[in-house]
Amino acid sequence: MRLSIHKPAPSEIQAFLDRQRGRSFSYAHVGASRGTPPAGWVVDHNRACLGHGRTAWEAARTAIRSWRMFGLDWIRIKVPPK
């Protein structure tokens, strides 16, 4: 991860992504949240009702797909092309 006090140029973003491509994860338990967690892990389940019906579903789906949960002025999310 790299923190910057200025908005990086597209070339800086691409250079960072190129350096990360092919690297392994920095932790041993990759995928552990898909099944029974390793011994000592604490599983924290929380739920909150955000609405009901199709309108609420579509609004939530749109927010997630546009990464609005990171809607802070000083954060930018760069999603690499598929």
PDB file of N, CA and C in Angstrom:
ATOM      1  N   MET A   1       0.839  -1.167   0.000  1.00  0.00           N
ATOM      2  CA  MET A   1       0.000   0.000   0.000  1.00  0.00           C
ATOM      3  C   MET A   1       0.884   1.230   0.000  1.00  0.00           C
ATOM      4  N   ARG A   2       0.403   2.239  -0.676  1.00  0.00           N
ATOM      5  CA  ARG A   2       1.152   3.492  -0.727  1.00  0.00           C
ATOM      6  C   ARG A   2       0.210   4.635  -0.403  1.00  0.00           C
ATOM      7  N   LEU A   3       0.584   5.457   0.549  1.00  0.00           N
ATOM      8  CA  LEU A   3      -0.172   6.654   0.876  1.00  0.00           C
ATOM      9  C   LEU A   3       0.514   7.839   0.230  1.00  0.00           C
ATOM     10  N   SER A   4      -0.270   8.777  -0.210  1.00  0.00           N
ATOM     11  CA  SER A   4       0.280   9.932  -0.897  1.00  0.00           C
ATOM     12  C   SER A   4      -0.460  11.183  -0.449  1.00  0.00           C
ATOM     13  N   ILE A   5       0.239  12.313  -0.418  1.00  0.00           N
ATOM     14  CA  ILE A   5      -0.424  13.566  -0.071  1.00  0.00           C
ATOM     15  C   ILE A   5      -0.922  14.304  -1.315  1.00  0.00           C
ATOM     16  N   HIS A   6      -0.670  13.716  -2.474  1.00  0.00           N
ATOM     17  CA  HIS A   6      -1.196  14.285  -3.708  1.00  0.00           C
ATOM     18  C   HIS A   6      -1.915  13.197  -4.488  1.00  0.00           C
ATOM     19  N   LYS A   7      -2.784  13.621  -5.377  1.00  0.00           N
ATOM     20  CA  LYS A   7      -3.478  12.669  -6.231  1.00  0.00           C
ATOM     21  C   LYS A   7      -2.463  12.099  -7.222  1.00  0.00           C
ATOM     22  N   PRO A   8      -2.289  10.777  -7.226  1.00  0.00           N
ATOM     23  CA  PRO A   8      -1.293  10.197  -8.139  1.00  0.00           C
ATOM     24  C   PRO A   8      -1.731  10.301  -9.596  1.00  0.00           C
ATOM     25  N   ALA A   9      -0.759  10.448 -10.448  1.00  0.00           N
ATOM     26  CA  ALA A   9      -1.021  10.470 -11.885  1.00  0.00           C
ATOM     27  C   ALA A   9      -1.409   9.069 -12.340  1.00  0.00           C
ATOM     28  N   PRO A  10      -2.160   8.956 -13.414  1.00  0.00           N
ATOM     29  CA  PRO A  10      -2.509   7.625 -13.928  1.00  0.00           C
ATOM     30  C   PRO A  10      -1.292   6.718 -14.120  1.00  0.00           C
ATOM     31  N   SER A  11      -0.172   7.283 -14.525  1.00  0.00           N
ATOM     32  CA  SER A  11       1.037   6.464 -14.718  1.00  0.00           C
ATOM     33  C   SER A  11       1.557   5.914 -13.385  1.00  0.00           C
ATOM     34  N   GLU A  12       1.419   6.693 -12.300  1.00  0.00           N
ATOM     35  CA  GLU A  12       1.832   6.215 -10.973  1.00  0.00           C
ATOM     36  C   GLU A  12       0.930   5.077 -10.507  1.00  0.00           C
ATOM     37  N   ILE A  13      -0.357   5.229 -10.754  1.00  0.00           N
ATOM     38  CA  ILE A  13      -1.307   4.176 -10.378  1.00  0.00           C
ATOM     39  C   ILE A  13      -0.991   2.899 -11.145  1.00  0.00           C
ATOM     40  N   GLN A  14      -0.772   3.025 -12.440  1.00  0.00           N
ATOM     41  CA  GLN A  14      -0.483   1.852 -13.261  1.00  0.00           C
ATOM     42  C   GLN A  14       0.820   1.194 -12.845  1.00  0.00           C
ATOM     43  N   ALA A  15       1.842   1.992 -12.525  1.00  0.00           N
ATOM     44  CA  ALA A  15       3.124   1.431 -12.081  1.00  0.00           C
ATOM     45  C   ALA A  15       2.945   0.647 -10.781  1.00  0.00           C
ATOM     46  N   PHE A  16       2.130   1.177  -9.860  1.00  0.00           N
ATOM     47  CA  PHE A  16       1.870   0.475  -8.606  1.00  0.00           C
ATOM     48  C   PHE A  16       1.162  -0.857  -8.884  1.00  0.00           C
ATOM     49  N   LEU A  17       0.137  -0.824  -9.717  1.00  0.00           N
ATOM     50  CA  LEU A  17      -0.592  -2.061 -10.044  1.00  0.00           C
ATOM     51  C   LEU A  17       0.321  -3.079 -10.722  1.00  0.00           C
ATOM     52  N   ASP A  18       1.182  -2.613 -11.592  1.00  0.00           N
ATOM     53  CA  ASP A  18       2.123  -3.516 -12.269  1.00  0.00           C
ATOM     54  C   ASP A  18       3.059  -4.188 -11.264  1.00  0.00           C
ATOM     55  N   ARG A  19       3.500  -3.436 -10.258  1.00  0.00           N
ATOM     56  CA  ARG A  19       4.384  -4.017  -9.228  1.00  0.00           C
ATOM     57  C   ARG A  19       3.653  -5.052  -8.380  1.00  0.00           C
ATOM     58  N   GLN A  20       2.359  -4.896  -8.207  1.00  0.00           N
ATOM     59  CA  GLN A  20       1.588  -5.813  -7.354  1.00  0.00           C
ATOM     60  C   GLN A  20       1.147  -7.082  -8.082  1.00  0.00           C
ATOM     61  N   ARG A  21       1.042  -6.996  -9.384  1.00  0.00           N
ATOM     62  CA  ARG A  21       0.541  -8.123 -10.180  1.00  0.00           C
ATOM     63  C   ARG A  21       1.400  -9.367  -9.961  1.00  0.00           C
ATOM     64  N   GLY A  22       0.761 -10.454  -9.638  1.00  0.00           N
ATOM     65  CA  GLY A  22       1.478 -11.712  -9.463  1.00  0.00           C
ATOM     66  C   GLY A  22       2.040 -11.927  -8.066  1.00  0.00           C
ATOM     67  N   ARG A  23       1.936 -10.931  -7.190  1.00  0.00           N
ATOM     68  CA  ARG A  23       2.453 -11.100  -5.827  1.00  0.00           C
ATOM     69  C   ARG A  23       1.510 -11.988  -5.031  1.00  0.00           C
ATOM     70  N   SER A  24       2.044 -12.675  -4.068  1.00  0.00           N
ATOM     71  CA  SER A  24       1.210 -13.524  -3.216  1.00  0.00           C
ATOM     72  C   SER A  24       0.628 -12.689  -2.081  1.00  0.00           C
ATOM     73  N   PHE A  25      -0.346 -13.262  -1.403  1.00  0.00           N
ATOM     74  CA  PHE A  25      -0.955 -12.567  -0.274  1.00  0.00           C
ATOM     75  C   PHE A  25       0.042 -12.487   0.879  1.00  0.00           C
ATOM     76  N   SER A  26      -0.154 -11.511   1.750  1.00  0.00           N
ATOM     77  CA  SER A  26       0.770 -11.306   2.865  1.00  0.00           C
ATOM     78  C   SER A  26       0.340 -12.050   4.127  1.00  0.00           C
ATOM     79  N   TYR A  27      -0.685 -12.879   4.010  1.00  0.00           N
ATOM     80  CA  TYR A  27      -1.167 -13.620   5.177  1.00  0.00           C
ATOM     81  C   TYR A  27      -1.440 -15.072   4.775  1.00  0.00           C
ATOM     82  N   ALA A  28      -1.376 -15.946   5.749  1.00  0.00           N
ATOM     83  CA  ALA A  28      -1.429 -17.378   5.474  1.00  0.00           C
ATOM     84  C   ALA A  28      -2.832 -17.937   5.264  1.00  0.00           C
ATOM     85  N   HIS A  29      -3.842 -17.282   5.795  1.00  0.00           N
ATOM     86  CA  HIS A  29      -5.179 -17.876   5.809  1.00  0.00           C
ATOM     87  C   HIS A  29      -6.076 -17.346   4.691  1.00  0.00           C
ATOM     88  N   VAL A  30      -5.574 -17.279   3.485  1.00  0.00           N
ATOM     89  CA  VAL A  30      -6.342 -16.802   2.339  1.00  0.00           C
ATOM     90  C   VAL A  30      -7.558 -17.703   2.149  1.00  0.00           C
ATOM     91  N   GLY A  31      -8.743 -17.098   2.063  1.00  0.00           N
ATOM     92  CA  GLY A  31      -9.975 -17.837   1.839  1.00  0.00           C
ATOM     93  C   GLY A  31     -10.600 -18.420   3.095  1.00  0.00           C
ATOM     94  N   ALA A  32     -10.030 -18.169   4.260  1.00  0.00           N
ATOM     95  CA  ALA A  32     -10.525 -18.778   5.497  1.00  0.00           C
ATOM     96  C   ALA A  32     -11.940 -18.330   5.850  1.00  0.00           C
ATOM     97  N   SER A  33     -12.374 -17.192   5.369  1.00  0.00           N
ATOM     98  CA  SER A  33     -13.723 -16.720   5.697  1.00  0.00           C
ATOM     99  C   SER A  33     -14.807 -17.478   4.948  1.00  0.00           C
ATOM    100  N   ARG A  34     -14.419 -18.325   4.012  1.00  0.00           N
ATOM    101  CA  ARG A  34     -15.397 -19.111   3.248  1.00  0.00           C
ATOM    102  C   ARG A  34     -15.902 -20.334   4.005  1.00  0.00           C
ATOM    103  N   GLY A  35     -15.225 -20.735   5.037  1.00  0.00           N
ATOM    104  CA  GLY A  35     -15.627 -21.933   5.769  1.00  0.00           C
ATOM    105  C   GLY A  35     -15.429 -21.737   7.250  1.00  0.00           C
ATOM    106  N   THR A  36     -15.031 -22.778   7.913  1.00  0.00           N
ATOM    107  CA  THR A  36     -14.755 -22.698   9.341  1.00  0.00           C
ATOM    108  C   THR A  36     -13.464 -21.909   9.548  1.00  0.00           C
ATOM    109  N   PRO A  37     -13.519 -20.847  10.344  1.00  0.00           N
ATOM    110  CA  PRO A  37     -12.306 -20.040  10.528  1.00  0.00           C
ATOM    111  C   PRO A  37     -11.248 -20.790  11.333  1.00  0.00           C
ATOM    112  N   PRO A  38      -9.995 -20.426  11.149  1.00  0.00           N
ATOM    113  CA  PRO A  38      -8.912 -21.052  11.914  1.00  0.00           C
ATOM    114  C   PRO A  38      -9.103 -20.845  13.419  1.00  0.00           C
ATOM    115  N   ALA A  39      -8.538 -21.737  14.205  1.00  0.00           N
ATOM    116  CA  ALA A  39      -8.622 -21.644  15.667  1.00  0.00           C
ATOM    117  C   ALA A  39      -8.128 -20.280  16.132  1.00  0.00           C
ATOM    118  N   GLY A  40      -8.849 -19.690  17.064  1.00  0.00           N
ATOM    119  CA  GLY A  40      -8.463 -18.406  17.615  1.00  0.00           C
ATOM    120  C   GLY A  40      -9.076 -17.207  16.918  1.00  0.00           C
ATOM    121  N   TRP A  41      -9.682 -17.411  15.757  1.00  0.00           N
ATOM    122  CA  TRP A  41     -10.322 -16.301  15.051  1.00  0.00           C
ATOM    123  C   TRP A  41     -11.665 -16.004  15.701  1.00  0.00           C
ATOM    124  N   VAL A  42     -12.025 -14.758  15.751  1.00  0.00           N
ATOM    125  CA  VAL A  42     -13.321 -14.346  16.272  1.00  0.00           C
ATOM    126  C   VAL A  42     -14.183 -13.943  15.078  1.00  0.00           C
ATOM    127  N   VAL A  43     -15.333 -14.589  14.959  1.00  0.00           N
ATOM    128  CA  VAL A  43     -16.247 -14.279  13.862  1.00  0.00           C
ATOM    129  C   VAL A  43     -17.290 -13.304  14.389  1.00  0.00           C
ATOM    130  N   ASP A  44     -17.392 -12.167  13.762  1.00  0.00           N
ATOM    131  CA  ASP A  44     -18.303 -11.115  14.198  1.00  0.00           C
ATOM    132  C   ASP A  44     -19.367 -10.914  13.130  1.00  0.00           C
ATOM    133  N   HIS A  45     -20.578 -11.353  13.412  1.00  0.00           N
ATOM    134  CA  HIS A  45     -21.684 -11.205  12.460  1.00  0.00           C
ATOM    135  C   HIS A  45     -22.571 -10.053  12.899  1.00  0.00           C
ATOM    136  N   ASN A  46     -22.824  -9.123  12.018  1.00  0.00           N
ATOM    137  CA  ASN A  46     -23.717  -7.995  12.289  1.00  0.00           C
ATOM    138  C   ASN A  46     -24.675  -7.833  11.121  1.00  0.00           C
ATOM    139  N   ARG A  47     -25.888  -7.479  11.426  1.00  0.00           N
ATOM    140  CA  ARG A  47     -26.872  -7.212  10.385  1.00  0.00           C
ATOM    141  C   ARG A  47     -27.640  -5.951  10.740  1.00  0.00           C
ATOM    142  N   ALA A  48     -28.043  -5.227   9.718  1.00  0.00           N
ATOM    143  CA  ALA A  48     -28.879  -4.048   9.902  1.00  0.00           C
ATOM    144  C   ALA A  48     -29.838  -3.973   8.722  1.00  0.00           C
ATOM    145  N   CYS A  49     -31.076  -3.709   8.994  1.00  0.00           N
ATOM    146  CA  CYS A  49     -32.068  -3.583   7.931  1.00  0.00           C
ATOM    147  C   CYS A  49     -31.956  -2.194   7.322  1.00  0.00           C
ATOM    148  N   LEU A  50     -31.682  -2.137   6.039  1.00  0.00           N
ATOM    149  CA  LEU A  50     -31.532  -0.859   5.344  1.00  0.00           C
ATOM    150  C   LEU A  50     -32.767  -0.470   4.548  1.00  0.00           C
ATOM    151  N   GLY A  51     -33.710  -1.378   4.476  1.00  0.00           N
ATOM    152  CA  GLY A  51     -34.934  -1.122   3.720  1.00  0.00           C
ATOM    153  C   GLY A  51     -35.545  -2.423   3.266  1.00  0.00           C
ATOM    154  N   HIS A  52     -36.644  -2.306   2.566  1.00  0.00           N
ATOM    155  CA  HIS A  52     -37.351  -3.483   2.061  1.00  0.00           C
ATOM    156  C   HIS A  52     -37.731  -3.263   0.605  1.00  0.00           C
ATOM    157  N   GLY A  53     -37.826  -4.330  -0.126  1.00  0.00           N
ATOM    158  CA  GLY A  53     -38.357  -4.264  -1.476  1.00  0.00           C
ATOM    159  C   GLY A  53     -37.328  -3.984  -2.550  1.00  0.00           C
ATOM    160  N   ARG A  54     -37.853  -3.958  -3.766  1.00  0.00           N
ATOM    161  CA  ARG A  54     -37.021  -3.826  -4.955  1.00  0.00           C
ATOM    162  C   ARG A  54     -36.265  -2.494  -5.011  1.00  0.00           C
ATOM    163  N   THR A  55     -36.902  -1.408  -4.610  1.00  0.00           N
ATOM    164  CA  THR A  55     -36.252  -0.092  -4.656  1.00  0.00           C
ATOM    165  C   THR A  55     -35.036  -0.052  -3.739  1.00  0.00           C
ATOM    166  N   ALA A  56     -35.192  -0.563  -2.527  1.00  0.00           N
ATOM    167  CA  ALA A  56     -34.068  -0.595  -1.582  1.00  0.00           C
ATOM    168  C   ALA A  56     -32.957  -1.489  -2.114  1.00  0.00           C
ATOM    169  N   TRP A  57     -33.333  -2.632  -2.684  1.00  0.00           N
ATOM    170  CA  TRP A  57     -32.346  -3.563  -3.237  1.00  0.00           C
ATOM    171  C   TRP A  57     -31.550  -2.901  -4.357  1.00  0.00           C
ATOM    172  N   GLU A  58     -32.224  -2.256  -5.278  1.00  0.00           N
ATOM    173  CA  GLU A  58     -31.548  -1.605  -6.404  1.00  0.00           C
ATOM    174  C   GLU A  58     -30.634  -0.476  -5.924  1.00  0.00           C
ATOM    175  N   ALA A  59     -31.083   0.319  -4.942  1.00  0.00           N
ATOM    176  CA  ALA A  59     -30.258   1.402  -4.413  1.00  0.00           C
ATOM    177  C   ALA A  59     -28.997   0.852  -3.754  1.00  0.00           C
ATOM    178  N   ALA A  60     -29.146  -0.215  -2.981  1.00  0.00           N
ATOM    179  CA  ALA A  60     -27.987  -0.827  -2.320  1.00  0.00           C
ATOM    180  C   ALA A  60     -27.027  -1.410  -3.345  1.00  0.00           C
ATOM    181  N   ARG A  61     -27.554  -2.092  -4.331  1.00  0.00           N
ATOM    182  CA  ARG A  61     -26.710  -2.698  -5.366  1.00  0.00           C
ATOM    183  C   ARG A  61     -25.938  -1.631  -6.141  1.00  0.00           C
ATOM    184  N   THR A  62     -26.604  -0.542  -6.473  1.00  0.00           N
ATOM    185  CA  THR A  62     -25.940   0.553  -7.177  1.00  0.00           C
ATOM    186  C   THR A  62     -24.835   1.165  -6.320  1.00  0.00           C
ATOM    187  N   ALA A  63     -25.105   1.352  -5.031  1.00  0.00           N
ATOM    188  CA  ALA A  63     -24.103   1.931  -4.122  1.00  0.00           C
ATOM    189  C   ALA A  63     -22.872   1.043  -4.024  1.00  0.00           C
ATOM    190  N   ILE A  64     -23.078  -0.258  -3.893  1.00  0.00           N
ATOM    191  CA  ILE A  64     -21.945  -1.182  -3.776  1.00  0.00           C
ATOM    192  C   ILE A  64     -21.156  -1.234  -5.082  1.00  0.00           C
ATOM    193  N   ARG A  65     -21.848  -1.309  -6.185  1.00  0.00           N
ATOM    194  CA  ARG A  65     -21.151  -1.383  -7.480  1.00  0.00           C
ATOM    195  C   ARG A  65     -20.360  -0.119  -7.801  1.00  0.00           C
ATOM    196  N   SER A  66     -20.748   0.998  -7.218  1.00  0.00           N
ATOM    197  CA  SER A  66     -20.005   2.236  -7.459  1.00  0.00           C
ATOM    198  C   SER A  66     -19.082   2.583  -6.289  1.00  0.00           C
ATOM    199  N   TRP A  67     -18.883   1.643  -5.378  1.00  0.00           N
ATOM    200  CA  TRP A  67     -17.962   1.775  -4.249  1.00  0.00           C
ATOM    201  C   TRP A  67     -18.303   2.968  -3.367  1.00  0.00           C
ATOM    202  N   ARG A  68     -19.576   3.281  -3.197  1.00  0.00           N
ATOM    203  CA  ARG A  68     -19.966   4.441  -2.393  1.00  0.00           C
ATOM    204  C   ARG A  68     -19.662   4.262  -0.911  1.00  0.00           C
ATOM    205  N   MET A  69     -19.387   3.058  -0.465  1.00  0.00           N
ATOM    206  CA  MET A  69     -19.020   2.878   0.934  1.00  0.00           C
ATOM    207  C   MET A  69     -17.664   3.511   1.225  1.00  0.00           C
ATOM    208  N   PHE A  70     -16.959   3.899   0.166  1.00  0.00           N
ATOM    209  CA  PHE A  70     -15.698   4.618   0.303  1.00  0.00           C
ATOM    210  C   PHE A  70     -15.869   6.056  -0.177  1.00  0.00           C
ATOM    211  N   GLY A  71     -17.038   6.625   0.039  1.00  0.00           N
ATOM    212  CA  GLY A  71     -17.354   7.961  -0.456  1.00  0.00           C
ATOM    213  C   GLY A  71     -16.792   9.079   0.395  1.00  0.00           C
ATOM    214  N   LEU A  72     -15.521   9.028   0.667  1.00  0.00           N
ATOM    215  CA  LEU A  72     -14.862  10.096   1.402  1.00  0.00           C
ATOM    216  C   LEU A  72     -14.063  10.934   0.410  1.00  0.00           C
ATOM    217  N   ASP A  73     -14.029  12.226   0.641  1.00  0.00           N
ATOM    218  CA  ASP A  73     -13.351  13.131  -0.292  1.00  0.00           C
ATOM    219  C   ASP A  73     -11.892  12.788  -0.555  1.00  0.00           C
ATOM    220  N   TRP A  74     -11.211  12.232   0.422  1.00  0.00           N
ATOM    221  CA  TRP A  74      -9.771  12.019   0.298  1.00  0.00           C
ATOM    222  C   TRP A  74      -9.404  10.594  -0.121  1.00  0.00           C
ATOM    223  N   ILE A  75     -10.402   9.769  -0.437  1.00  0.00           N
ATOM    224  CA  ILE A  75     -10.130   8.389  -0.855  1.00  0.00           C
ATOM    225  C   ILE A  75     -10.593   8.202  -2.293  1.00  0.00           C
ATOM    226  N   ARG A  76      -9.759   7.566  -3.083  1.00  0.00           N
ATOM    227  CA  ARG A  76     -10.127   7.195  -4.448  1.00  0.00           C
ATOM    228  C   ARG A  76      -9.863   5.706  -4.612  1.00  0.00           C
ATOM    229  N   ILE A  77     -10.780   5.009  -5.209  1.00  0.00           N
ATOM    230  CA  ILE A  77     -10.644   3.584  -5.455  1.00  0.00           C
ATOM    231  C   ILE A  77     -10.321   3.383  -6.929  1.00  0.00           C
ATOM    232  N   LYS A  78      -9.277   2.658  -7.197  1.00  0.00           N
ATOM    233  CA  LYS A  78      -8.890   2.329  -8.574  1.00  0.00           C
ATOM    234  C   LYS A  78      -9.162   0.852  -8.772  1.00  0.00           C
ATOM    235  N   VAL A  79     -10.084   0.542  -9.643  1.00  0.00           N
ATOM    236  CA  VAL A  79     -10.425  -0.841  -9.932  1.00  0.00           C
ATOM    237  C   VAL A  79      -9.754  -1.229 -11.235  1.00  0.00           C
ATOM    238  N   PRO A  80      -8.851  -2.216 -11.197  1.00  0.00           N
ATOM    239  CA  PRO A  80      -8.177  -2.624 -12.430  1.00  0.00           C
ATOM    240  C   PRO A  80      -9.180  -3.220 -13.418  1.00  0.00           C
ATOM    241  N   PRO A  81      -8.931  -3.082 -14.689  1.00  0.00           N
ATOM    242  CA  PRO A  81      -9.819  -3.689 -15.686  1.00  0.00           C
ATOM    243  C   PRO A  81      -9.799  -5.205 -15.566  1.00  0.00           C
ATOM    244  N   LYS A  82     -10.896  -5.831 -15.931  1.00  0.00           N
ATOM    245  CA  LYS A  82     -11.005  -7.294 -15.846  1.00  0.00           C
ATOM    246  C   LYS A  82     -10.255  -7.952 -16.982  1.00  0.00           C
TER     247      LYS A  82
END
